[in-house]
PDB file of N, CA and C in Angstrom:
ATOM      1  N   SER A   1       1.027  -1.073   0.036  1.00  0.00           N
ATOM      2  CA  SER A   1      -0.154   0.056   0.113  1.00  0.00           C
ATOM      3  C   SER A   1       1.026   1.342  -0.094  1.00  0.00           C
ATOM      4  N   LEU A   2       0.733   1.943  -1.054  1.00  0.00           N
ATOM      5  CA  LEU A   2       1.392   3.241  -1.123  1.00  0.00           C
ATOM      6  C   LEU A   2       0.945   4.537  -0.368  1.00  0.00           C
ATOM      7  N   VAL A   3       1.744   5.229   0.262  1.00  0.00           N
ATOM      8  CA  VAL A   3       1.372   6.458   0.999  1.00  0.00           C
ATOM      9  C   VAL A   3       2.555   7.692   0.646  1.00  0.00           C
ATOM     10  N   LEU A   4       1.650   8.698   0.395  1.00  0.00           N
ATOM     11  CA  LEU A   4       2.338   9.916   0.295  1.00  0.00           C
ATOM     12  C   LEU A   4       2.797  10.650   1.721  1.00  0.00           C
ATOM     13  N   ARG A   5       3.754  10.778   2.153  1.00  0.00           N
ATOM     14  CA  ARG A   5       4.064  11.301   3.585  1.00  0.00           C
ATOM     15  C   ARG A   5       5.100  11.738   3.696  1.00  0.00           C
ATOM     16  N   THR A   6       5.667  12.535   4.727  1.00  0.00           N
ATOM     17  CA  THR A   6       6.976  12.953   4.933  1.00  0.00           C
ATOM     18  C   THR A   6       7.906  11.712   5.613  1.00  0.00           C
ATOM     19  N   ARG A   7       9.184  12.062   5.740  1.00  0.00           N
ATOM     20  CA  ARG A   7      10.069  10.805   6.205  1.00  0.00           C
ATOM     21  C   ARG A   7       9.673  10.315   7.419  1.00  0.00           C
ATOM     22  N   ARG A   8      10.278   9.200   7.816  1.00  0.00           N
ATOM     23  CA  ARG A   8      10.455   8.714   9.118  1.00  0.00           C
ATOM     24  C   ARG A   8      11.586   7.871   9.330  1.00  0.00           C
ATOM     25  N   THR A   9      12.111   7.423  10.722  1.00  0.00           N
ATOM     26  CA  THR A   9      12.998   6.857  10.953  1.00  0.00           C
ATOM     27  C   THR A   9      12.804   5.598  10.444  1.00  0.00           C
ATOM     28  N   GLY A  10      13.984   5.006   9.531  1.00  0.00           N
ATOM     29  CA  GLY A  10      14.084   3.698   9.027  1.00  0.00           C
ATOM     30  C   GLY A  10      13.894   3.767   7.797  1.00  0.00           C
ATOM     31  N   ASP A  11      13.509   4.921   7.215  1.00  0.00           N
ATOM     32  CA  ASP A  11      13.211   4.751   5.522  1.00  0.00           C
ATOM     33  C   ASP A  11      14.364   4.698   4.582  1.00  0.00           C
ATOM     34  N   TYR A  12      14.163   4.045   3.761  1.00  0.00           N
ATOM     35  CA  TYR A  12      15.700   3.753   2.842  1.00  0.00           C
ATOM     36  C   TYR A  12      15.138   3.657   1.323  1.00  0.00           C
ATOM     37  N   LEU A  13      16.276   4.071   0.608  1.00  0.00           N
ATOM     38  CA  LEU A  13      15.975   4.036  -0.971  1.00  0.00           C
ATOM     39  C   LEU A  13      16.847   2.684  -1.274  1.00  0.00           C
ATOM     40  N   ILE A  14      16.586   2.200  -2.468  1.00  0.00           N
ATOM     41  CA  ILE A  14      17.249   1.208  -3.172  1.00  0.00           C
ATOM     42  C   ILE A  14      18.035   1.774  -4.025  1.00  0.00           C
ATOM     43  N   ILE A  15      19.477   2.015  -4.091  1.00  0.00           N
ATOM     44  CA  ILE A  15      20.352   2.885  -4.844  1.00  0.00           C
ATOM     45  C   ILE A  15      20.907   2.007  -6.234  1.00  0.00           C
ATOM     46  N   ASN A  16      20.842   0.996  -6.559  1.00  0.00           N
ATOM     47  CA  ASN A  16      21.594   0.197  -7.619  1.00  0.00           C
ATOM     48  C   ASN A  16      20.627  -0.893  -7.971  1.00  0.00           C
ATOM     49  N   ARG A  17      21.054  -1.541  -8.989  1.00  0.00           N
ATOM     50  CA  ARG A  17      20.418  -2.824  -9.693  1.00  0.00           C
ATOM     51  C   ARG A  17      20.790  -4.055  -8.571  1.00  0.00           C
ATOM     52  N   GLN A  18      22.034  -3.889  -7.877  1.00  0.00           N
ATOM     53  CA  GLN A  18      22.107  -4.853  -6.935  1.00  0.00           C
ATOM     54  C   GLN A  18      21.489  -5.077  -5.771  1.00  0.00           C
ATOM     55  N   GLY A  19      20.502  -4.164  -5.479  1.00  0.00           N
ATOM     56  CA  GLY A  19      19.734  -3.931  -4.441  1.00  0.00           C
ATOM     57  C   GLY A  19      20.192  -3.435  -2.931  1.00  0.00           C
ATOM     58  N   ASN A  20      21.609  -2.571  -3.178  1.00  0.00           N
ATOM     59  CA  ASN A  20      22.232  -1.946  -1.956  1.00  0.00           C
ATOM     60  C   ASN A  20      21.025  -0.755  -1.478  1.00  0.00           C
ATOM     61  N   ARG A  21      21.210  -0.633  -0.109  1.00  0.00           N
ATOM     62  CA  ARG A  21      20.318   0.390   0.233  1.00  0.00           C
ATOM     63  C   ARG A  21      21.055   1.657   0.829  1.00  0.00           C
ATOM     64  N   LYS A  22      20.486   2.754   0.912  1.00  0.00           N
ATOM     65  CA  LYS A  22      21.239   3.888   1.512  1.00  0.00           C
ATOM     66  C   LYS A  22      19.813   4.516   2.432  1.00  0.00           C
ATOM     67  N   THR A  23      20.073   4.701   3.366  1.00  0.00           N
ATOM     68  CA  THR A  23      19.001   5.819   4.371  1.00  0.00           C
ATOM     69  C   THR A  23      18.387   6.688   3.763  1.00  0.00           C
ATOM     70  N   LEU A  24      17.281   7.391   3.965  1.00  0.00           N
ATOM     71  CA  LEU A  24      16.842   8.536   3.179  1.00  0.00           C
ATOM     72  C   LEU A  24      17.699   9.536   4.085  1.00  0.00           C
ATOM     73  N   LYS A  25      17.926   9.536   5.144  1.00  0.00           N
ATOM     74  CA  LYS A  25      18.667  10.494   6.004  1.00  0.00           C
ATOM     75  C   LYS A  25      20.161  10.444   5.337  1.00  0.00           C
ATOM     76  N   GLU A  26      20.789   9.668   4.866  1.00  0.00           N
ATOM     77  CA  GLU A  26      22.017   9.635   4.334  1.00  0.00           C
ATOM     78  C   GLU A  26      21.848  10.630   2.904  1.00  0.00           C
ATOM     79  N   TYR A  27      20.762   9.950   2.083  1.00  0.00           N
ATOM     80  CA  TYR A  27      20.522  10.594   0.693  1.00  0.00           C
ATOM     81  C   TYR A  27      20.266  12.335   0.767  1.00  0.00           C
ATOM     82  N   LEU A  28      19.449  12.564   1.923  1.00  0.00           N
ATOM     83  CA  LEU A  28      19.347  13.695   1.927  1.00  0.00           C
ATOM     84  C   LEU A  28      20.489  14.635   2.437  1.00  0.00           C
ATOM     85  N   ILE A  29      21.401  14.138   3.149  1.00  0.00           N
ATOM     86  CA  ILE A  29      22.912  15.054   3.655  1.00  0.00           C
ATOM     87  C   ILE A  29      23.331  14.840   2.301  1.00  0.00           C
ATOM     88  N   GLU A  30      23.739  13.778   1.486  1.00  0.00           N
ATOM     89  CA  GLU A  30      24.606  13.829   0.617  1.00  0.00           C
ATOM     90  C   GLU A  30      23.986  14.840  -0.718  1.00  0.00           C
ATOM     91  N   GLU A  31      22.963  14.841  -0.795  1.00  0.00           N
ATOM     92  CA  GLU A  31      22.253  15.713  -1.826  1.00  0.00           C
ATOM     93  C   GLU A  31      22.195  17.073  -1.301  1.00  0.00           C
ATOM     94  N   LYS A  32      22.673  17.764   0.074  1.00  0.00           N
ATOM     95  CA  LYS A  32      22.709  18.736   0.555  1.00  0.00           C
ATOM     96  C   LYS A  32      21.434  19.297   0.703  1.00  0.00           C
ATOM     97  N   ILE A  33      20.358  18.639   0.733  1.00  0.00           N
ATOM     98  CA  ILE A  33      18.799  19.299   0.991  1.00  0.00           C
ATOM     99  C   ILE A  33      18.837  19.773   2.276  1.00  0.00           C
ATOM    100  N   PRO A  34      18.692  21.181   2.542  1.00  0.00           N
ATOM    101  CA  PRO A  34      18.504  21.877   4.029  1.00  0.00           C
ATOM    102  C   PRO A  34      17.925  21.190   4.912  1.00  0.00           C
ATOM    103  N   LYS A  35      18.202  21.106   6.098  1.00  0.00           N
ATOM    104  CA  LYS A  35      17.753  20.535   7.526  1.00  0.00           C
ATOM    105  C   LYS A  35      16.398  21.040   7.237  1.00  0.00           C
ATOM    106  N   SER A  36      15.964  22.421   7.316  1.00  0.00           N
ATOM    107  CA  SER A  36      14.931  23.043   7.607  1.00  0.00           C
ATOM    108  C   SER A  36      13.954  22.485   6.541  1.00  0.00           C
ATOM    109  N   LEU A  37      14.318  21.802   5.327  1.00  0.00           N
ATOM    110  CA  LEU A  37      13.246  21.361   4.396  1.00  0.00           C
ATOM    111  C   LEU A  37      13.099  19.667   4.343  1.00  0.00           C
ATOM    112  N   ARG A  38      13.795  18.980   5.056  1.00  0.00           N
ATOM    113  CA  ARG A  38      13.762  17.757   5.109  1.00  0.00           C
ATOM    114  C   ARG A  38      12.713  16.866   5.714  1.00  0.00           C
ATOM    115  N   ASP A  39      12.102  17.717   6.775  1.00  0.00           N
ATOM    116  CA  ASP A  39      10.844  17.143   7.250  1.00  0.00           C
ATOM    117  C   ASP A  39       9.605  17.423   6.535  1.00  0.00           C
ATOM    118  N   ARG A  40       9.791  18.491   5.552  1.00  0.00           N
ATOM    119  CA  ARG A  40       8.543  18.681   4.783  1.00  0.00           C
ATOM    120  C   ARG A  40       8.593  18.057   3.622  1.00  0.00           C
ATOM    121  N   LEU A  41       9.672  17.417   3.076  1.00  0.00           N
ATOM    122  CA  LEU A  41       9.662  16.939   1.717  1.00  0.00           C
ATOM    123  C   LEU A  41       9.103  15.483   1.528  1.00  0.00           C
ATOM    124  N   PRO A  42       8.008  15.949   0.771  1.00  0.00           N
ATOM    125  CA  PRO A  42       6.873  14.747   0.321  1.00  0.00           C
ATOM    126  C   PRO A  42       7.668  13.221  -0.384  1.00  0.00           C
ATOM    127  N   VAL A  43       7.726  12.277   0.464  1.00  0.00           N
ATOM    128  CA  VAL A  43       8.117  10.965  -0.241  1.00  0.00           C
ATOM    129  C   VAL A  43       6.598  10.143  -0.409  1.00  0.00           C
ATOM    130  N   LEU A  44       6.756   9.097  -1.728  1.00  0.00           N
ATOM    131  CA  LEU A  44       6.051   8.310  -1.840  1.00  0.00           C
ATOM    132  C   LEU A  44       6.463   6.896  -1.017  1.00  0.00           C
ATOM    133  N   ALA A  45       6.221   6.320  -0.487  1.00  0.00           N
ATOM    134  CA  ALA A  45       6.799   4.995   0.139  1.00  0.00           C
ATOM    135  C   ALA A  45       5.512   3.890   0.335  1.00  0.00           C
ATOM    136  N   ASP A  46       6.384   2.445   0.414  1.00  0.00           N
ATOM    137  CA  ASP A  46       5.837   1.385   0.734  1.00  0.00           C
ATOM    138  C   ASP A  46       6.438   1.105   1.811  1.00  0.00           C
ATOM    139  N   GLY A  47       5.988   1.369   3.095  1.00  0.00           N
ATOM    140  CA  GLY A  47       6.425   0.790   4.578  1.00  0.00           C
ATOM    141  C   GLY A  47       7.549   1.901   4.394  1.00  0.00           C
ATOM    142  N   ASN A  48       8.579   1.288   4.529  1.00  0.00           N
ATOM    143  CA  ASN A  48       9.871   2.215   4.754  1.00  0.00           C
ATOM    144  C   ASN A  48      10.729   2.198   3.437  1.00  0.00           C
ATOM    145  N   HIS A  49      10.247   1.771   2.631  1.00  0.00           N
ATOM    146  CA  HIS A  49      11.067   1.576   1.424  1.00  0.00           C
ATOM    147  C   HIS A  49      10.544   2.884   0.640  1.00  0.00           C
ATOM    148  N   ILE A  50      11.230   3.572   0.429  1.00  0.00           N
ATOM    149  CA  ILE A  50      10.964   4.984  -0.200  1.00  0.00           C
ATOM    150  C   ILE A  50      10.714   4.544  -1.977  1.00  0.00           C
ATOM    151  N   LEU A  51       9.682   4.655  -2.521  1.00  0.00           N
ATOM    152  CA  LEU A  51       9.828   4.858  -4.196  1.00  0.00           C
ATOM    153  C   LEU A  51      10.148   5.878  -4.525  1.00  0.00           C
ATOM    154  N   TRP A  52       9.724   6.965  -4.249  1.00  0.00           N
ATOM    155  CA  TRP A  52      10.334   8.456  -5.064  1.00  0.00           C
ATOM    156  C   TRP A  52      10.428   9.574  -3.984  1.00  0.00           C
ATOM    157  N   VAL A  53      11.248  10.231  -3.783  1.00  0.00           N
ATOM    158  CA  VAL A  53      11.649  11.614  -2.843  1.00  0.00           C
ATOM    159  C   VAL A  53      10.966  12.603  -4.239  1.00  0.00           C
ATOM    160  N   ALA A  54       9.916  13.210  -3.825  1.00  0.00           N
ATOM    161  CA  ALA A  54       9.427  13.924  -4.633  1.00  0.00           C
ATOM    162  C   ALA A  54      10.434  15.148  -5.154  1.00  0.00           C
ATOM    163  N   GLY A  55      10.488  15.042  -6.606  1.00  0.00           N
ATOM    164  CA  GLY A  55      11.420  16.181  -7.149  1.00  0.00           C
ATOM    165  C   GLY A  55      12.905  15.855  -6.940  1.00  0.00           C
ATOM    166  N   HIS A  56      13.264  14.534  -6.480  1.00  0.00           N
ATOM    167  CA  HIS A  56      14.833  14.291  -6.517  1.00  0.00           C
ATOM    168  C   HIS A  56      14.921  13.151  -7.193  1.00  0.00           C
ATOM    169  N   ARG A  57      14.133  11.863  -6.354  1.00  0.00           N
ATOM    170  CA  ARG A  57      14.900  10.601  -7.119  1.00  0.00           C
ATOM    171  C   ARG A  57      14.159   9.625  -6.769  1.00  0.00           C
ATOM    172  N   ILE A  58      14.060   8.372  -7.562  1.00  0.00           N
ATOM    173  CA  ILE A  58      13.185   7.450  -7.858  1.00  0.00           C
ATOM    174  C   ILE A  58      14.108   6.127  -7.354  1.00  0.00           C
ATOM    175  N   SER A  59      13.604   5.319  -6.354  1.00  0.00           N
ATOM    176  CA  SER A  59      14.181   4.152  -6.080  1.00  0.00           C
ATOM    177  C   SER A  59      14.649   3.085  -7.053  1.00  0.00           C
ATOM    178  N   GLU A  60      15.674   2.913  -7.411  1.00  0.00           N
ATOM    179  CA  GLU A  60      16.248   1.719  -8.367  1.00  0.00           C
ATOM    180  C   GLU A  60      15.290   0.797  -8.561  1.00  0.00           C
ATOM    181  N   HIS A  61      14.722   0.087  -7.471  1.00  0.00           N
ATOM    182  CA  HIS A  61      13.766  -0.996  -7.832  1.00  0.00           C
ATOM    183  C   HIS A  61      12.408  -0.797  -8.502  1.00  0.00           C
ATOM    184  N   TYR A  62      12.010   0.557  -8.660  1.00  0.00           N
ATOM    185  CA  TYR A  62      10.900   0.886  -9.135  1.00  0.00           C
ATOM    186  C   TYR A  62      10.902   1.695 -10.582  1.00  0.00           C
ATOM    187  N   LYS A  63      12.361   2.046 -11.211  1.00  0.00           N
ATOM    188  CA  LYS A  63      12.592   2.544 -12.404  1.00  0.00           C
ATOM    189  C   LYS A  63      12.190   1.790 -13.730  1.00  0.00           C
ATOM    190  N   ILE A  64      11.509   2.356 -14.452  1.00  0.00           N
ATOM    191  CA  ILE A  64      11.293   1.710 -15.626  1.00  0.00           C
ATOM    192  C   ILE A  64      12.273   0.922 -16.466  1.00  0.00           C
ATOM    193  N   ASP A  65      11.983  -0.371 -16.817  1.00  0.00           N
ATOM    194  CA  ASP A  65      13.131  -0.739 -17.711  1.00  0.00           C
ATOM    195  C   ASP A  65      12.255  -1.845 -18.707  1.00  0.00           C
ATOM    196  N   GLU A  66      12.948  -2.479 -19.385  1.00  0.00           N
ATOM    197  CA  GLU A  66      12.276  -3.292 -20.313  1.00  0.00           C
ATOM    198  C   GLU A  66      11.134  -4.519 -19.912  1.00  0.00           C
ATOM    199  N   GLN A  67      11.298  -4.854 -18.220  1.00  0.00           N
ATOM    200  CA  GLN A  67      10.459  -5.694 -17.921  1.00  0.00           C
ATOM    201  C   GLN A  67       9.250  -5.126 -17.285  1.00  0.00           C
ATOM    202  N   THR A  68       9.154  -3.800 -17.173  1.00  0.00           N
ATOM    203  CA  THR A  68       8.196  -2.782 -16.615  1.00  0.00           C
ATOM    204  C   THR A  68       6.921  -3.253 -17.558  1.00  0.00           C
ATOM    205  N   LYS A  69       5.879  -3.606 -16.986  1.00  0.00           N
ATOM    206  CA  LYS A  69       4.341  -3.840 -17.491  1.00  0.00           C
ATOM    207  C   LYS A  69       3.552  -2.731 -16.852  1.00  0.00           C
ATOM    208  N   THR A  70       3.725  -2.192 -15.595  1.00  0.00           N
ATOM    209  CA  THR A  70       2.614  -1.167 -15.284  1.00  0.00           C
ATOM    210  C   THR A  70       3.206  -0.034 -14.711  1.00  0.00           C
ATOM    211  N   ILE A  71       2.808   1.129 -15.118  1.00  0.00           N
ATOM    212  CA  ILE A  71       3.240   2.411 -14.908  1.00  0.00           C
ATOM    213  C   ILE A  71       2.377   3.328 -13.845  1.00  0.00           C
ATOM    214  N   LEU A  72       2.736   3.590 -12.751  1.00  0.00           N
ATOM    215  CA  LEU A  72       2.219   4.585 -11.842  1.00  0.00           C
ATOM    216  C   LEU A  72       2.829   5.828 -12.159  1.00  0.00           C
ATOM    217  N   GLU A  73       1.779   6.882 -12.318  1.00  0.00           N
ATOM    218  CA  GLU A  73       2.139   8.254 -12.771  1.00  0.00           C
ATOM    219  C   GLU A  73       1.599   9.206 -11.532  1.00  0.00           C
ATOM    220  N   VAL A  74       2.481   9.809 -10.702  1.00  0.00           N
ATOM    221  CA  VAL A  74       2.132  10.716  -9.483  1.00  0.00           C
ATOM    222  C   VAL A  74       2.551  12.016  -9.506  1.00  0.00           C
ATOM    223  N   GLN A  75       1.652  12.935  -9.467  1.00  0.00           N
ATOM    224  CA  GLN A  75       1.882  14.251  -9.607  1.00  0.00           C
ATOM    225  C   GLN A  75       1.644  14.897  -8.378  1.00  0.00           C
ATOM    226  N   ILE A  76       2.233  16.006  -8.061  1.00  0.00           N
ATOM    227  CA  ILE A  76       2.151  16.737  -6.733  1.00  0.00           C
ATOM    228  C   ILE A  76       1.933  18.061  -7.148  1.00  0.00           C
ATOM    229  N   THR A  77       0.818  18.901  -6.967  1.00  0.00           N
ATOM    230  CA  THR A  77       0.824  20.303  -7.205  1.00  0.00           C
ATOM    231  C   THR A  77       0.547  21.052  -6.198  1.00  0.00           C
ATOM    232  N   GLY A  78       0.887  22.142  -5.955  1.00  0.00           N
ATOM    233  CA  GLY A  78       0.579  23.238  -4.850  1.00  0.00           C
ATOM    234  C   GLY A  78       1.560  22.645  -3.692  1.00  0.00           C
ATOM    235  N   GLY A  79       1.057  23.173  -2.555  1.00  0.00           N
ATOM    236  CA  GLY A  79       2.166  22.867  -1.227  1.00  0.00           C
ATOM    237  C   GLY A  79       3.116  24.066  -1.271  1.00  0.00           C
ATOM    238  N   THR A  80       3.980  23.967  -0.206  1.00  0.00           N
ATOM    239  CA  THR A  80       5.013  25.057   0.097  1.00  0.00           C
ATOM    240  C   THR A  80       6.381  24.538   0.314  1.00  0.00           C
ATOM    241  N   TYR A  81       6.542  23.430  -0.355  1.00  0.00           N
ATOM    242  CA  TYR A  81       7.924  22.878  -0.351  1.00  0.00           C
ATOM    243  C   TYR A  81       8.727  23.773  -1.642  1.00  0.00           C
ATOM    244  N   ASP A  82       9.943  24.212  -1.325  1.00  0.00           N
ATOM    245  CA  ASP A  82      10.410  25.345  -2.136  1.00  0.00           C
ATOM    246  C   ASP A  82      11.920  24.770  -2.220  1.00  0.00           C
ATOM    247  N   GLY A  83      12.350  23.495  -2.575  1.00  0.00           N
ATOM    248  CA  GLY A  83      13.557  23.070  -2.693  1.00  0.00           C
ATOM    249  C   GLY A  83      13.756  23.026  -4.081  1.00  0.00           C
TER     250      GLY A  83
END
């Protein structure tokens, strides 16, 4: 079940085809997302697995490839995020 929410402890992204993980916290720090914006940044999540960091990155596990059969398109409009 997918949920659009803000970050939580334990969130992670799959960062490569080998299935290696990176915590969302590490990713946000490496991308130099200001601390003041990190708790407002919307993420699309399945449990703690982050599928999409809105405006930034898609989990490698969910990227479209030659074996993709179904595509989910999500758009976010409005809001106050300004990153």
